[in-house]
Protein backbone atom coordinates (compact mmCIF):
# COMPACT_ATOMS: atom_id res chain seq x y z
CA MET A 1 0.00 0.00 0.00
CA SER A 2 1.22 3.46 -0.76
CA ALA A 3 1.80 5.86 2.09
CA GLN A 4 -1.02 8.24 2.82
CA PRO A 5 -0.12 11.89 2.22
CA HIS A 6 0.09 14.06 5.32
CA ALA A 7 -2.76 16.55 5.60
CA MET A 8 -1.70 20.16 5.66
CA PRO A 9 -2.33 21.76 9.07
CA THR A 10 -5.30 24.09 9.20
CA VAL A 11 -4.36 27.74 9.65
CA SER A 12 -6.77 29.10 12.27
CA LEU A 13 -5.07 32.39 13.17
CA GLN A 14 -3.28 34.75 10.81
CA ALA A 15 -1.53 38.06 11.39
CA ARG A 16 -0.42 40.08 8.40
CA ASN A 17 1.88 43.10 8.83
CA VAL A 18 0.52 43.86 12.30
CA THR A 19 1.86 46.96 14.02
CA LYS A 20 0.97 48.28 17.47
CA SER A 21 2.24 51.33 19.33
CA PHE A 22 1.45 53.06 22.60
CA SER A 23 1.96 56.70 23.56
CA SER A 24 2.49 58.26 26.96
CA GLY A 25 2.76 62.02 26.63
CA PRO A 26 5.56 62.78 24.17
CA ILE A 27 6.91 59.23 24.32
CA HIS A 28 5.85 56.93 21.45
CA HIS A 29 6.74 53.25 21.82
CA THR A 30 6.22 50.66 19.07
CA VAL A 31 5.41 47.29 20.67
CA LEU A 32 4.87 45.20 17.51
CA HIS A 33 6.79 45.83 14.29
CA ASP A 34 5.11 44.74 11.04
CA LEU A 35 4.53 41.22 12.38
CA THR A 36 3.28 38.34 10.22
CA LEU A 37 2.54 34.76 11.32
CA ASP A 38 0.20 31.78 10.93
CA VAL A 39 -0.99 29.61 13.84
CA HIS A 40 -2.35 26.10 13.27
CA ALA A 41 -5.29 24.21 14.73
CA GLY A 42 -4.53 21.13 16.84
CA GLU A 43 -1.19 22.50 18.00
CA LEU A 44 0.17 24.12 21.13
CA THR A 45 2.07 27.16 19.88
CA LEU A 46 4.30 28.89 22.41
CA ILE A 47 5.36 32.52 22.03
CA SER A 48 8.43 32.93 24.22
CA GLY A 49 10.60 35.87 25.05
CA PRO A 50 11.58 38.26 27.83
CA SER A 51 9.12 40.47 29.66
CA GLY A 52 8.19 43.54 27.63
CA CYS A 53 8.95 42.01 24.22
CA GLY A 54 5.32 42.27 23.02
CA LYS A 55 4.09 38.72 23.70
CA SER A 56 0.97 39.65 25.64
CA THR A 57 0.13 42.49 23.27
CA LEU A 58 0.30 40.07 20.35
CA LEU A 59 -1.97 37.61 22.17
CA ALA A 60 -4.46 40.40 22.94
CA ILE A 61 -4.56 41.44 19.27
CA LEU A 62 -4.90 37.88 17.96
CA SER A 63 -7.77 37.24 20.39
CA GLY A 64 -9.60 40.47 19.58
CA LEU A 65 -9.07 42.06 22.99
CA GLN A 66 -7.08 44.87 21.39
CA ALA A 67 -7.06 46.35 17.89
CA ALA A 68 -3.92 46.61 15.80
CA ASP A 69 -2.84 50.03 14.56
CA SER A 70 -2.31 48.55 11.10
CA GLY A 71 -2.32 45.16 9.44
CA GLN A 72 -4.89 42.36 9.40
CA VAL A 73 -5.87 39.63 11.86
CA MET A 74 -7.92 36.65 10.68
CA ALA A 75 -9.33 34.29 13.32
CA LEU A 76 -11.27 31.19 12.24
CA GLY A 77 -11.88 32.91 8.90
CA GLU A 78 -13.16 36.15 10.46
CA ASP A 79 -11.41 39.46 9.81
CA LEU A 80 -11.34 40.88 13.35
CA GLY A 81 -10.52 44.35 12.08
CA VAL A 82 -13.92 44.83 10.45
CA LEU A 83 -16.00 43.63 13.42
CA GLY A 84 -17.67 46.16 15.69
CA MET A 85 -17.33 46.00 19.47
CA ARG A 86 -20.48 43.93 20.00
CA GLU A 87 -19.52 41.59 17.16
CA LEU A 88 -16.07 41.10 18.70
CA GLU A 89 -17.62 40.35 22.08
CA ARG A 90 -19.90 37.79 20.45
CA PHE A 91 -16.97 36.22 18.59
CA ARG A 92 -14.95 35.88 21.80
CA LEU A 93 -17.94 34.44 23.67
CA LEU A 94 -18.60 31.77 21.04
CA HIS A 95 -15.13 30.86 19.84
CA THR A 96 -12.42 31.73 22.39
CA GLY A 97 -11.28 30.65 25.83
CA PHE A 98 -8.79 32.48 28.04
CA VAL A 99 -6.44 31.34 30.79
CA PHE A 100 -4.53 33.99 32.74
CA GLN A 101 -1.69 34.09 35.24
CA GLY A 102 -3.98 35.17 38.09
CA PHE A 103 -6.68 32.49 37.66
CA ASN A 104 -9.58 35.05 37.81
CA LEU A 105 -11.82 32.89 39.98
CA PHE A 106 -14.75 34.08 42.11
CA PRO A 107 -14.11 33.44 45.85
CA ALA A 108 -17.74 32.52 46.65
CA LEU A 109 -18.19 29.94 43.88
CA ASN A 110 -17.05 26.33 43.96
CA ALA A 111 -15.17 24.80 41.05
CA VAL A 112 -18.18 23.48 39.14
CA GLU A 113 -20.00 26.81 39.55
CA GLN A 114 -16.91 28.65 38.25
CA VAL A 115 -17.00 26.55 35.09
CA GLU A 116 -20.78 26.78 34.65
CA LEU A 117 -20.92 30.57 34.89
CA PRO A 118 -19.76 31.52 31.35
CA LEU A 119 -21.88 28.73 29.88
CA SER A 120 -25.01 30.57 31.01
CA TYR A 121 -24.10 33.39 28.61
CA LEU A 122 -24.09 30.87 25.77
CA GLY A 123 -27.75 30.14 26.45
CA LEU A 124 -27.18 26.52 27.47
CA ALA A 125 -29.86 24.75 29.50
CA PRO A 126 -28.78 24.27 33.15
CA GLY A 127 -28.49 20.50 32.72
CA GLU A 128 -26.22 20.82 29.68
CA ALA A 129 -24.12 23.48 31.42
CA ARG A 130 -23.65 21.18 34.41
CA ARG A 131 -22.77 18.22 32.17
CA ARG A 132 -20.12 20.23 30.33
CA ALA A 133 -18.71 21.68 33.55
CA VAL A 134 -18.37 18.28 35.18
CA ALA A 135 -16.82 16.73 32.06
CA SER A 136 -14.27 19.56 31.77
CA LEU A 137 -13.27 19.34 35.42
CA GLU A 138 -12.87 15.59 35.11
CA GLU A 139 -10.73 16.08 32.01
CA VAL A 140 -8.28 18.27 33.95
CA GLY A 141 -8.23 15.81 36.87
CA LEU A 142 -10.43 17.74 39.29
CA GLY A 143 -13.53 15.55 39.39
CA PRO A 144 -13.17 14.82 43.13
CA ARG A 145 -12.48 18.52 43.90
CA MET A 146 -15.33 20.18 41.98
CA GLY A 147 -17.29 21.10 45.12
CA LEU A 148 -14.42 23.15 46.60
CA ARG A 149 -14.00 26.93 46.56
CA PRO A 150 -10.75 28.66 45.52
CA SER A 151 -9.60 29.07 49.14
CA GLU A 152 -9.63 25.27 49.43
CA LEU A 153 -7.60 24.66 46.26
CA SER A 154 -3.87 24.86 45.55
CA GLY A 155 -2.48 27.23 42.94
CA GLY A 156 -2.16 24.45 40.40
CA GLU A 157 -5.74 23.33 41.06
CA LYS A 158 -7.02 26.89 40.65
CA GLN A 159 -5.32 27.09 37.26
CA ARG A 160 -6.87 23.77 36.27
CA VAL A 161 -10.30 25.17 37.18
CA ALA A 162 -9.55 28.15 34.93
CA ILE A 163 -8.58 25.79 32.09
CA ALA A 164 -11.75 23.74 32.62
CA ARG A 165 -13.80 26.95 32.49
CA ALA A 166 -12.29 27.80 29.11
CA LEU A 167 -12.53 24.22 27.84
CA ALA A 168 -16.22 23.83 28.71
CA LYS A 169 -17.11 26.45 26.10
CA GLU A 170 -15.65 24.09 23.46
CA PRO A 171 -13.68 26.97 21.90
CA GLY A 172 -11.85 26.80 18.60
CA LEU A 173 -9.20 29.11 20.05
CA LEU A 174 -7.66 28.89 23.52
CA PHE A 175 -5.34 31.69 24.66
CA ALA A 176 -3.08 31.31 27.70
CA ASP A 177 -1.15 34.30 29.08
CA GLU A 178 1.70 33.25 31.39
CA PRO A 179 -0.33 30.29 32.72
CA THR A 180 2.53 28.75 34.74
CA SER A 181 4.40 31.78 36.08
CA ALA A 182 2.65 31.66 39.49
CA LEU A 183 3.22 27.92 39.88
CA ASP A 184 6.05 25.66 40.98
CA ALA A 185 7.77 23.35 38.53
CA ALA A 186 5.53 20.31 39.17
CA ASN A 187 2.28 22.22 38.79
CA GLY A 188 3.60 24.14 35.81
CA GLN A 189 4.40 20.79 34.17
CA ILE A 190 0.82 19.57 34.74
CA ILE A 191 -0.66 22.75 33.26
CA ILE A 192 1.38 22.67 30.05
CA ASP A 193 0.62 18.95 29.63
CA ILE A 194 -3.11 19.67 29.92
CA LEU A 195 -2.91 22.49 27.37
CA HIS A 196 -0.99 20.24 24.98
CA ARG A 197 -3.55 17.46 25.40
CA ILE A 198 -6.44 19.86 24.70
CA ALA A 199 -4.80 20.91 21.42
CA ARG A 200 -4.15 17.32 20.39
CA ASP A 201 -7.42 15.70 21.49
CA HIS A 202 -9.89 18.47 20.67
CA GLY A 203 -8.20 19.98 17.60
CA THR A 204 -8.15 23.30 19.44
CA THR A 205 -5.74 26.07 18.53
CA VAL A 206 -3.83 26.69 21.77
CA LEU A 207 -1.67 29.83 21.81
CA CYS A 208 0.40 30.32 24.94
CA VAL A 209 2.67 33.24 25.76
CA SER A 210 5.30 32.77 28.43
CA HIS A 211 8.83 33.65 29.42
CA ASP A 212 9.06 30.34 31.32
CA PRO A 213 11.86 28.31 29.65
CA ARG A 214 10.41 25.06 31.05
CA LEU A 215 7.60 25.21 28.51
CA VAL A 216 9.74 25.27 25.37
CA GLY A 217 10.28 21.52 25.13
CA HIS A 218 6.57 20.76 25.48
CA ALA A 219 5.19 22.92 22.67
CA ASP A 220 4.53 21.78 19.11
CA ARG A 221 6.00 25.05 17.86
CA VAL A 222 7.99 27.85 19.47
CA LEU A 223 8.04 31.45 18.27
CA ALA A 224 10.80 33.46 19.95
CA MET A 225 10.09 37.19 20.25
CA GLU A 226 12.28 40.13 21.10
CA ASP A 227 11.57 43.85 20.80
CA GLY A 228 8.25 43.32 19.03
CA ARG A 229 9.61 41.02 16.33
CA ILE A 230 9.65 37.24 15.82
CA LEU A 231 13.29 36.19 15.78
CA SER A 232 12.80 32.47 15.20
CA ASP A 233 10.08 29.94 14.43
CA ARG A 234 10.96 26.35 15.23
CA VAL A 235 9.60 22.92 16.11
CA PRO A 236 11.29 21.54 19.26
CA SER A 237 13.45 18.48 18.74
CA PRO A 238 11.59 15.19 19.28
CA THR A 239 14.39 14.14 21.61
CA SER A 240 13.30 16.83 24.07
CA THR A 241 9.87 15.23 24.54
CA SER A 242 10.19 11.59 23.44
CA GLY A 243 10.78 10.32 26.95
CA HIS A 244 8.32 12.64 28.59
CA GLN A 245 5.69 11.16 30.88
CA GLU A 246 2.59 13.10 31.88
CA PRO A 247 2.45 13.54 35.66
CA ALA A 248 -0.53 12.22 37.55
CA ALA A 249 -3.33 14.72 38.14
């Protein structure tokens, strides 16, 4: 039998000649310089680089949280630059999930309630929202902990709740901004493994920005940024991950 041809990866995010600047009084600072890139579905793409290099600004523009000064951003076939504010909000609600450094959990809600909350804005029936919330928490290894509030969870568990909250929306795009920087090495390892598994198993586009060097060997693709420009675009060597075992949840 002849070998089957490899399918070309689906481009789900595109930036074309994107520029972004900020002004403070007479000082004008360009954060992104004429940046162009494609991001693929089903992959964990890591944007790495030192603090202040433009990583988080790029993530905000690719996710529609900020507008570029010039250039074009296409997300899941939508030109974000032509959408109005309400259309952008609707796009983010339906198609994107976010995971942040600070978890952004509500102190009074337990884990399953945290995950259910955004699902109510999607118009899901309560039973379906609960089913999705439970399934997402079980997927990140928190099934036995879903009745606990943030004060009863560790930092790594809080971040897993935040990932489950994003995952339950079944987004095409998942954005993670420094998701491991508040965690120790073991918990950071668990978080990046979960994000990688979501990309692989769900076909989700997972875009993670971080200056944490521990993450480089666990991404499908690494874009290195400095001073608002992409300096390199590489696939980590298979030898860096071939012996890797996922830690227990």
